[in-house]
């Protein structure tokens, strides 16, 4: 077996892969993201991620930040719509140091009021920087359009007004509601045995109370496609066209993943890249994406182009979608598409930090992890009829929403 999965006495799920390389990676995954925020808390999950590094009951902020850096390691964190992750990379000899620090940050942070006020300014700068980048802002605005009125559509960073309103009480209340061991996973890839890692984890957790929480998430309401055009200052026009899609764990999720990779994935031989960017030179950036969430999903195609060519590029995009709806892939095309995505998955597993993050997210989301052989079998079982069926469900023009940031520059 590539990895081991076990559960600690307090219910914390753990996945570990023992490797012989000197550098190790581990992280604590919490099923608490921006979708878990109340309406007045927009941006709070991300704000907490920042404030976790501002000092604990045992350490000042300087010592938190220096703890792994002093031994050549790294400490980082990120927030998504559905999870917050704190993780570290380090030489394997420092496993006890890394484990102790992660749990100190997660469960003993003090959130000093002075530091909260300072961090508000940092986040506001981040929001302003993001607003200055239409190629980034359009993704969040599109999610807000597709998931209108639902927390999944709200910007992870929040708004300037919401960030200014945050207090220590807001932070502690959010943590109390969402940071339970039953909503967490610890993931590890490094030069240590599973039994040794288990002892380290149990040692850190013995002093903590049995933290449990029971969340009830609301799925987005029925989807209504919409077409929106706004004018933005800048020389380039940005657009996204897309649709709600399958949730994480759906039987059709892997089919759409394969279809998305073929259409506009990272490969330079994707259909969108070859038939639009390379053939006509209309766009610098053109890609498709598929983001599954726990109870829904989002498929989209993003492009940046000259204001005078945006309508033509959108017609060419629809032409590619129509091909996938109306024409089944041939045997050779299907085989090449499968080989490509399997190769990408295999190459991604060569990066142990990426592997640790993938293991943690998979166990948190699905409560299981498929080994590469299982993934291989599932992808190989996909048929041309499966791909065409999904294309006919998701790539329907009448179901597509469109958001255009149109340049108002001459």
Foldseek 3Di string as FASTA:
>chain_A
DQWDWDAAPLGFIEIEGADDDFKKKKKKKFQDAQLLDDPLQRQVVVLLQVQLLQDFPVGGSVCLQVQQVVQVKHWDWDGDRTIIMTMMMHGPVCLLSRLLSNCRSLPGRDSDQVVLVVVLVVLQVVVVVQVVDCLNVVVLCVLCQFLPPGSSSGDNSGHNVSSVPDGPVSNVVSCLATVASNRMYMFMYYNDDPVVSSVSNCVSCVPPDSRDHDDDGDDGDDGDAAEAEAEDADQKKKKKKWFKAAAPPDLLPVLVVLVQCQQFNPDCNRCLNVVPCVPPVFFPDWGWDKAHHLGIIMIMIMTMGGLVCPVVSVVVSLVSLVCLQPPFDDPVRLVVSLVVVLVVVVVLVVDNNSVRVVVRVCCSRPVDDDDSVRVSVSSVPDGSVSRNVRSNVIVDPNRMHMYMHHYPDD
